[in-house]
C-alpha cells in the first residue's frame, strides 16, 4: 500500500525555521517526483515546491524562493522541505504528494495521484 506521511510541522515564531519530512512506504521513492503543497484556511490549495526523481530539477513558487529548500534521500525514502524565515503567510496545512514522472521532470501543475494526510504549520508570535 502506497503511503506518504508528513511530519515536522508545528508552531514557530515569525522568522523561525521548520523542516518538514515526507516519509514514504509501499513504493520505490526513486521512481517518483514529489511535490509539496499547502492549504491555508479559506484558501485554495497551492503548490509550493517539487523535486524530480533525480533530484536535479527543483521548482519553487515565487513567495518561497530563497527561503524554502526541497531535497530528497531515496535511500531513506524521505523528501524534506526546509523552511526558513517563516512568516504568518506561510501558515497552512502542508501536504506532500507523489507522481510517476520521467527522471528529470517535476512540475507543480502535474497531476499527483498519491497524497499524504498533511501537517499543520503555524507561524505566529
N, C-alpha and C. Protein backbone atom coordinates (compact mmCIF):
# COMPACT_ATOMS: atom_id res chain seq x y z
N UNK A 1 0.86 -1.19 0.00
CA UNK A 1 0.00 0.00 0.00
C UNK A 1 0.89 1.24 0.00
N UNK A 2 0.67 2.10 -0.97
CA UNK A 2 1.48 3.30 -1.11
C UNK A 2 1.05 4.33 -0.06
N UNK A 3 2.03 4.80 0.73
CA UNK A 3 1.73 5.77 1.77
C UNK A 3 2.75 6.88 1.79
N UNK A 4 2.28 8.09 2.12
CA UNK A 4 3.14 9.24 2.37
C UNK A 4 2.72 9.83 3.71
N UNK A 5 3.68 10.09 4.56
CA UNK A 5 3.39 10.62 5.89
C UNK A 5 4.25 11.85 6.13
N UNK A 6 3.59 12.98 6.36
CA UNK A 6 4.31 14.22 6.66
C UNK A 6 4.57 14.32 8.16
N UNK A 7 5.68 14.92 8.50
CA UNK A 7 6.00 15.18 9.90
C UNK A 7 6.87 16.43 9.98
N UNK A 8 7.00 16.96 11.19
CA UNK A 8 7.87 18.12 11.40
C UNK A 8 7.14 19.44 11.47
N UNK A 9 5.82 19.42 11.34
CA UNK A 9 5.07 20.65 11.46
C UNK A 9 4.99 21.10 12.91
N UNK A 10 4.41 22.28 13.11
CA UNK A 10 4.27 22.79 14.46
C UNK A 10 4.08 24.28 14.48
N UNK A 11 4.27 24.84 15.67
CA UNK A 11 4.14 26.28 15.88
C UNK A 11 5.54 26.89 15.95
N UNK A 12 5.73 27.96 15.19
CA UNK A 12 7.02 28.63 15.17
C UNK A 12 6.79 30.13 15.10
N UNK A 13 7.71 30.88 15.66
CA UNK A 13 7.60 32.33 15.62
C UNK A 13 8.03 32.87 14.26
N UNK A 14 7.53 34.03 13.90
CA UNK A 14 7.97 34.65 12.64
C UNK A 14 9.49 34.77 12.60
N UNK A 15 10.04 34.44 11.44
CA UNK A 15 11.49 34.44 11.29
C UNK A 15 12.14 33.11 11.62
N UNK A 16 11.36 32.20 12.16
CA UNK A 16 11.89 30.90 12.54
C UNK A 16 11.95 29.92 11.39
N UNK A 17 12.36 28.69 11.73
CA UNK A 17 12.54 27.65 10.72
C UNK A 17 11.86 26.36 11.15
N UNK A 18 11.48 25.58 10.18
CA UNK A 18 10.98 24.23 10.38
C UNK A 18 11.46 23.37 9.22
N UNK A 19 11.61 22.10 9.47
CA UNK A 19 11.89 21.16 8.40
C UNK A 19 10.81 20.10 8.36
N UNK A 20 10.09 20.06 7.28
CA UNK A 20 9.09 19.03 7.07
C UNK A 20 9.73 17.81 6.41
N UNK A 21 9.25 16.65 6.82
CA UNK A 21 9.68 15.40 6.20
C UNK A 21 8.47 14.70 5.60
N UNK A 22 8.69 14.08 4.49
CA UNK A 22 7.67 13.25 3.84
C UNK A 22 8.26 11.86 3.72
N UNK A 23 7.82 10.97 4.57
CA UNK A 23 8.35 9.61 4.59
C UNK A 23 7.40 8.70 3.83
N UNK A 24 7.95 7.94 2.91
CA UNK A 24 7.12 7.12 2.04
C UNK A 24 7.31 5.64 2.32
N UNK A 25 6.31 4.87 1.97
CA UNK A 25 6.38 3.42 2.09
C UNK A 25 5.45 2.80 1.06
N UNK A 26 5.73 1.53 0.76
CA UNK A 26 4.88 0.81 -0.17
C UNK A 26 5.21 1.05 -1.63
N UNK A 27 6.24 1.85 -1.90
CA UNK A 27 6.67 2.05 -3.28
C UNK A 27 8.13 2.51 -3.27
N UNK A 28 8.75 2.47 -4.41
CA UNK A 28 10.14 2.88 -4.54
C UNK A 28 10.19 4.36 -4.83
N UNK A 29 10.63 5.13 -3.83
CA UNK A 29 10.62 6.58 -3.96
C UNK A 29 11.38 7.05 -5.18
N UNK A 30 12.42 6.36 -5.55
CA UNK A 30 13.26 6.81 -6.67
C UNK A 30 12.50 6.89 -7.99
N UNK A 31 11.36 6.27 -8.07
CA UNK A 31 10.59 6.27 -9.31
C UNK A 31 9.57 7.41 -9.39
N UNK A 32 9.56 8.28 -8.36
CA UNK A 32 8.51 9.29 -8.27
C UNK A 32 9.07 10.69 -8.03
N UNK A 33 8.49 11.64 -8.75
CA UNK A 33 8.67 13.04 -8.38
C UNK A 33 7.79 13.33 -7.17
N UNK A 34 8.24 14.25 -6.34
CA UNK A 34 7.49 14.61 -5.13
C UNK A 34 7.21 16.11 -5.12
N UNK A 35 6.00 16.44 -4.79
CA UNK A 35 5.63 17.84 -4.66
C UNK A 35 5.18 18.14 -3.24
N UNK A 36 5.41 19.38 -2.83
CA UNK A 36 4.86 19.90 -1.58
C UNK A 36 3.80 20.94 -1.93
N UNK A 37 2.68 20.84 -1.25
CA UNK A 37 1.55 21.75 -1.46
C UNK A 37 1.10 22.26 -0.10
N UNK A 38 0.35 23.33 -0.09
CA UNK A 38 -0.17 23.84 1.17
C UNK A 38 -1.56 24.44 0.96
N UNK A 39 -2.32 24.41 2.03
CA UNK A 39 -3.65 25.00 2.00
C UNK A 39 -3.88 25.77 3.28
N UNK A 40 -4.05 27.07 3.13
CA UNK A 40 -4.34 27.94 4.26
C UNK A 40 -5.85 28.01 4.47
N UNK A 41 -6.29 28.34 5.68
CA UNK A 41 -7.73 28.43 5.95
C UNK A 41 -8.42 29.38 4.98
N UNK A 42 -9.49 28.91 4.37
CA UNK A 42 -10.26 29.75 3.47
C UNK A 42 -9.65 29.96 2.11
N UNK A 43 -8.54 29.29 1.83
CA UNK A 43 -7.86 29.46 0.54
C UNK A 43 -7.76 28.14 -0.19
N UNK A 44 -7.53 28.23 -1.49
CA UNK A 44 -7.35 27.02 -2.28
C UNK A 44 -5.95 26.44 -2.03
N UNK A 45 -5.83 25.16 -2.25
CA UNK A 45 -4.53 24.52 -2.15
C UNK A 45 -3.61 25.06 -3.23
N UNK A 46 -2.36 25.28 -2.89
CA UNK A 46 -1.39 25.79 -3.85
C UNK A 46 -0.11 24.97 -3.79
N UNK A 47 0.54 24.89 -4.94
CA UNK A 47 1.83 24.23 -4.98
C UNK A 47 2.88 25.09 -4.36
N UNK A 48 3.85 24.45 -3.71
CA UNK A 48 4.94 25.16 -3.05
C UNK A 48 6.28 24.84 -3.72
N UNK A 49 6.54 23.56 -3.89
CA UNK A 49 7.82 23.13 -4.44
C UNK A 49 7.70 21.70 -4.93
N UNK A 50 8.57 21.33 -5.84
CA UNK A 50 8.65 19.93 -6.24
C UNK A 50 10.09 19.57 -6.59
N UNK A 51 10.34 18.26 -6.62
CA UNK A 51 11.67 17.76 -6.92
C UNK A 51 11.54 16.54 -7.80
N UNK A 52 12.39 16.46 -8.80
CA UNK A 52 12.33 15.35 -9.74
C UNK A 52 12.90 14.08 -9.11
N UNK A 53 12.73 12.99 -9.82
CA UNK A 53 13.27 11.71 -9.35
C UNK A 53 14.77 11.79 -9.14
N UNK A 54 15.44 12.46 -10.04
CA UNK A 54 16.90 12.56 -9.96
C UNK A 54 17.36 13.52 -8.87
N UNK A 55 16.46 14.40 -8.45
CA UNK A 55 16.87 15.47 -7.54
C UNK A 55 17.49 16.64 -8.27
N UNK A 56 17.69 16.49 -9.57
CA UNK A 56 18.38 17.53 -10.32
C UNK A 56 17.49 18.68 -10.75
N UNK A 57 16.20 18.48 -10.70
CA UNK A 57 15.26 19.55 -11.03
C UNK A 57 14.42 19.87 -9.81
N UNK A 58 14.42 21.13 -9.43
CA UNK A 58 13.58 21.60 -8.34
C UNK A 58 12.83 22.83 -8.81
N UNK A 59 11.64 22.98 -8.30
CA UNK A 59 10.78 24.11 -8.65
C UNK A 59 10.25 24.73 -7.36
N UNK A 60 10.21 26.04 -7.32
CA UNK A 60 9.66 26.76 -6.18
C UNK A 60 8.71 27.85 -6.67
N UNK A 61 7.64 28.06 -5.94
CA UNK A 61 6.79 29.20 -6.27
C UNK A 61 7.47 30.45 -5.74
N UNK A 62 7.12 31.58 -6.34
CA UNK A 62 7.82 32.83 -6.05
C UNK A 62 7.84 33.20 -4.58
N UNK A 63 6.73 33.07 -3.85
CA UNK A 63 6.74 33.51 -2.44
C UNK A 63 7.72 32.76 -1.54
N UNK A 64 8.18 31.59 -1.95
CA UNK A 64 9.07 30.81 -1.07
C UNK A 64 10.49 30.74 -1.59
N UNK A 65 10.73 31.27 -2.77
CA UNK A 65 12.08 31.23 -3.33
C UNK A 65 13.08 31.92 -2.41
N UNK A 66 14.20 31.27 -2.20
CA UNK A 66 15.23 31.81 -1.33
C UNK A 66 15.01 31.51 0.14
N UNK A 67 13.83 31.01 0.50
CA UNK A 67 13.53 30.69 1.90
C UNK A 67 13.34 29.19 2.13
N UNK A 68 12.76 28.50 1.14
CA UNK A 68 12.48 27.07 1.26
C UNK A 68 13.46 26.29 0.38
N UNK A 69 13.83 25.10 0.85
CA UNK A 69 14.68 24.21 0.08
C UNK A 69 14.12 22.80 0.14
N UNK A 70 13.92 22.21 -1.02
CA UNK A 70 13.44 20.83 -1.11
C UNK A 70 14.62 19.93 -1.40
N UNK A 71 14.60 18.74 -0.80
CA UNK A 71 15.66 17.77 -1.05
C UNK A 71 15.09 16.38 -0.85
N UNK A 72 15.85 15.38 -1.29
CA UNK A 72 15.36 14.02 -1.15
C UNK A 72 16.50 13.08 -0.82
N UNK A 73 16.16 12.03 -0.10
CA UNK A 73 17.09 10.95 0.22
C UNK A 73 16.37 9.66 -0.10
N UNK A 74 16.60 9.18 -1.31
CA UNK A 74 15.87 7.98 -1.74
C UNK A 74 16.20 6.76 -0.88
N UNK A 75 17.41 6.70 -0.37
CA UNK A 75 17.79 5.56 0.47
C UNK A 75 16.98 5.53 1.76
N UNK A 76 16.56 6.71 2.21
CA UNK A 76 15.75 6.80 3.44
C UNK A 76 14.27 6.94 3.13
N UNK A 77 13.93 6.88 1.84
CA UNK A 77 12.52 7.00 1.43
C UNK A 77 11.89 8.29 1.96
N UNK A 78 12.65 9.36 1.94
CA UNK A 78 12.18 10.60 2.55
C UNK A 78 12.52 11.80 1.68
N UNK A 79 11.57 12.72 1.63
CA UNK A 79 11.77 14.02 0.99
C UNK A 79 11.59 15.09 2.06
N UNK A 80 12.41 16.12 1.98
CA UNK A 80 12.41 17.16 3.00
C UNK A 80 12.02 18.51 2.40
N UNK A 81 11.44 19.34 3.25
CA UNK A 81 11.22 20.73 2.88
C UNK A 81 11.74 21.59 4.04
N UNK A 82 12.90 22.19 3.84
CA UNK A 82 13.46 23.08 4.83
C UNK A 82 12.86 24.46 4.62
N UNK A 83 12.26 25.00 5.67
CA UNK A 83 11.57 26.29 5.57
C UNK A 83 12.22 27.28 6.53
N UNK A 84 12.79 28.32 5.99
CA UNK A 84 13.45 29.35 6.79
C UNK A 84 12.72 30.68 6.64
N UNK A 85 13.02 31.59 7.55
CA UNK A 85 12.43 32.95 7.51
C UNK A 85 10.92 32.88 7.36
N UNK A 86 10.31 32.06 8.17
CA UNK A 86 8.87 31.85 8.07
C UNK A 86 8.10 33.10 8.49
N UNK A 87 6.99 33.32 7.83
CA UNK A 87 6.10 34.43 8.13
C UNK A 87 4.69 33.91 8.35
N UNK A 88 3.83 34.71 8.97
CA UNK A 88 2.45 34.24 9.19
C UNK A 88 1.75 33.82 7.90
N UNK A 89 2.16 34.38 6.77
CA UNK A 89 1.56 34.00 5.48
C UNK A 89 1.89 32.56 5.09
N UNK A 90 2.85 31.95 5.74
CA UNK A 90 3.19 30.56 5.47
C UNK A 90 2.33 29.59 6.28
N UNK A 91 1.50 30.10 7.15
CA UNK A 91 0.62 29.24 7.95
C UNK A 91 -0.33 28.47 7.05
N UNK A 92 -0.32 27.16 7.18
CA UNK A 92 -1.14 26.31 6.31
C UNK A 92 -0.96 24.86 6.73
N UNK A 93 -1.81 24.01 6.17
CA UNK A 93 -1.55 22.57 6.22
C UNK A 93 -0.70 22.23 5.00
N UNK A 94 0.41 21.57 5.24
CA UNK A 94 1.34 21.22 4.17
C UNK A 94 1.20 19.74 3.84
N UNK A 95 1.10 19.46 2.55
CA UNK A 95 0.94 18.11 2.05
C UNK A 95 2.09 17.75 1.11
N UNK A 96 2.53 16.50 1.17
CA UNK A 96 3.41 16.01 0.12
C UNK A 96 2.61 15.06 -0.77
N UNK A 97 3.05 14.98 -2.00
CA UNK A 97 2.34 14.17 -2.98
C UNK A 97 3.35 13.56 -3.95
N UNK A 98 3.00 12.42 -4.52
CA UNK A 98 3.90 11.68 -5.39
C UNK A 98 3.29 11.50 -6.77
N UNK A 99 4.14 11.54 -7.78
CA UNK A 99 3.70 11.32 -9.15
C UNK A 99 4.81 10.63 -9.93
N UNK A 100 4.46 9.61 -10.69
CA UNK A 100 5.43 8.96 -11.54
C UNK A 100 5.78 9.87 -12.71
N UNK A 101 7.08 10.18 -12.87
CA UNK A 101 7.49 11.11 -13.91
C UNK A 101 8.82 10.66 -14.50
N UNK A 102 9.17 11.27 -15.59
CA UNK A 102 10.48 10.98 -16.17
C UNK A 102 11.57 11.49 -15.23
N UNK A 103 12.77 11.03 -15.44
CA UNK A 103 13.85 11.14 -14.47
C UNK A 103 14.12 12.57 -14.00
N UNK A 104 14.04 13.52 -14.89
CA UNK A 104 14.41 14.89 -14.54
C UNK A 104 13.24 15.88 -14.53
N UNK A 105 12.04 15.36 -14.45
CA UNK A 105 10.88 16.26 -14.54
C UNK A 105 10.17 16.39 -13.21
N UNK A 106 9.80 17.62 -12.87
CA UNK A 106 8.76 17.84 -11.89
C UNK A 106 8.05 19.12 -12.27
N UNK A 107 6.80 19.19 -12.00
CA UNK A 107 6.01 20.38 -12.29
C UNK A 107 4.84 20.42 -11.32
N UNK A 108 4.60 21.57 -10.73
CA UNK A 108 3.53 21.67 -9.74
C UNK A 108 2.16 21.57 -10.38
N UNK A 109 2.07 21.80 -11.69
CA UNK A 109 0.77 21.72 -12.35
C UNK A 109 0.44 20.30 -12.79
N UNK A 110 1.38 19.38 -12.64
CA UNK A 110 1.10 17.99 -12.98
C UNK A 110 0.08 17.40 -12.02
N UNK A 111 -0.51 16.32 -12.44
CA UNK A 111 -1.40 15.59 -11.55
C UNK A 111 -0.57 14.73 -10.61
N UNK A 112 -0.90 14.77 -9.34
CA UNK A 112 -0.25 13.97 -8.32
C UNK A 112 -1.28 13.00 -7.74
N UNK A 113 -1.19 11.71 -8.06
CA UNK A 113 -2.22 10.78 -7.62
C UNK A 113 -2.17 10.39 -6.15
N UNK A 114 -1.00 10.52 -5.54
CA UNK A 114 -0.82 10.00 -4.18
C UNK A 114 -0.49 11.13 -3.23
N UNK A 115 -1.20 11.15 -2.09
CA UNK A 115 -1.10 12.27 -1.16
C UNK A 115 -0.94 11.79 0.27
N UNK A 116 -0.23 12.60 1.06
CA UNK A 116 -0.19 12.36 2.49
C UNK A 116 -1.38 13.02 3.17
N UNK A 117 -1.41 12.90 4.50
CA UNK A 117 -2.55 13.39 5.26
C UNK A 117 -2.39 14.85 5.68
N UNK A 118 -1.20 15.39 5.55
CA UNK A 118 -0.96 16.78 5.86
C UNK A 118 -0.34 17.01 7.22
N UNK A 119 0.38 18.12 7.33
CA UNK A 119 0.99 18.54 8.60
C UNK A 119 0.74 20.04 8.77
N UNK A 120 0.30 20.39 9.96
CA UNK A 120 -0.03 21.80 10.23
C UNK A 120 1.25 22.58 10.52
N UNK A 121 1.39 23.71 9.87
CA UNK A 121 2.46 24.66 10.16
C UNK A 121 1.79 25.98 10.54
N UNK A 122 2.09 26.46 11.73
CA UNK A 122 1.53 27.71 12.21
C UNK A 122 2.67 28.66 12.57
N UNK A 123 2.65 29.83 11.95
CA UNK A 123 3.67 30.84 12.21
C UNK A 123 2.99 32.00 12.92
N UNK A 124 3.33 32.15 14.18
CA UNK A 124 2.66 33.16 14.99
C UNK A 124 3.52 33.53 16.19
N UNK A 125 3.41 34.78 16.60
CA UNK A 125 4.12 35.21 17.80
C UNK A 125 3.22 35.11 19.03
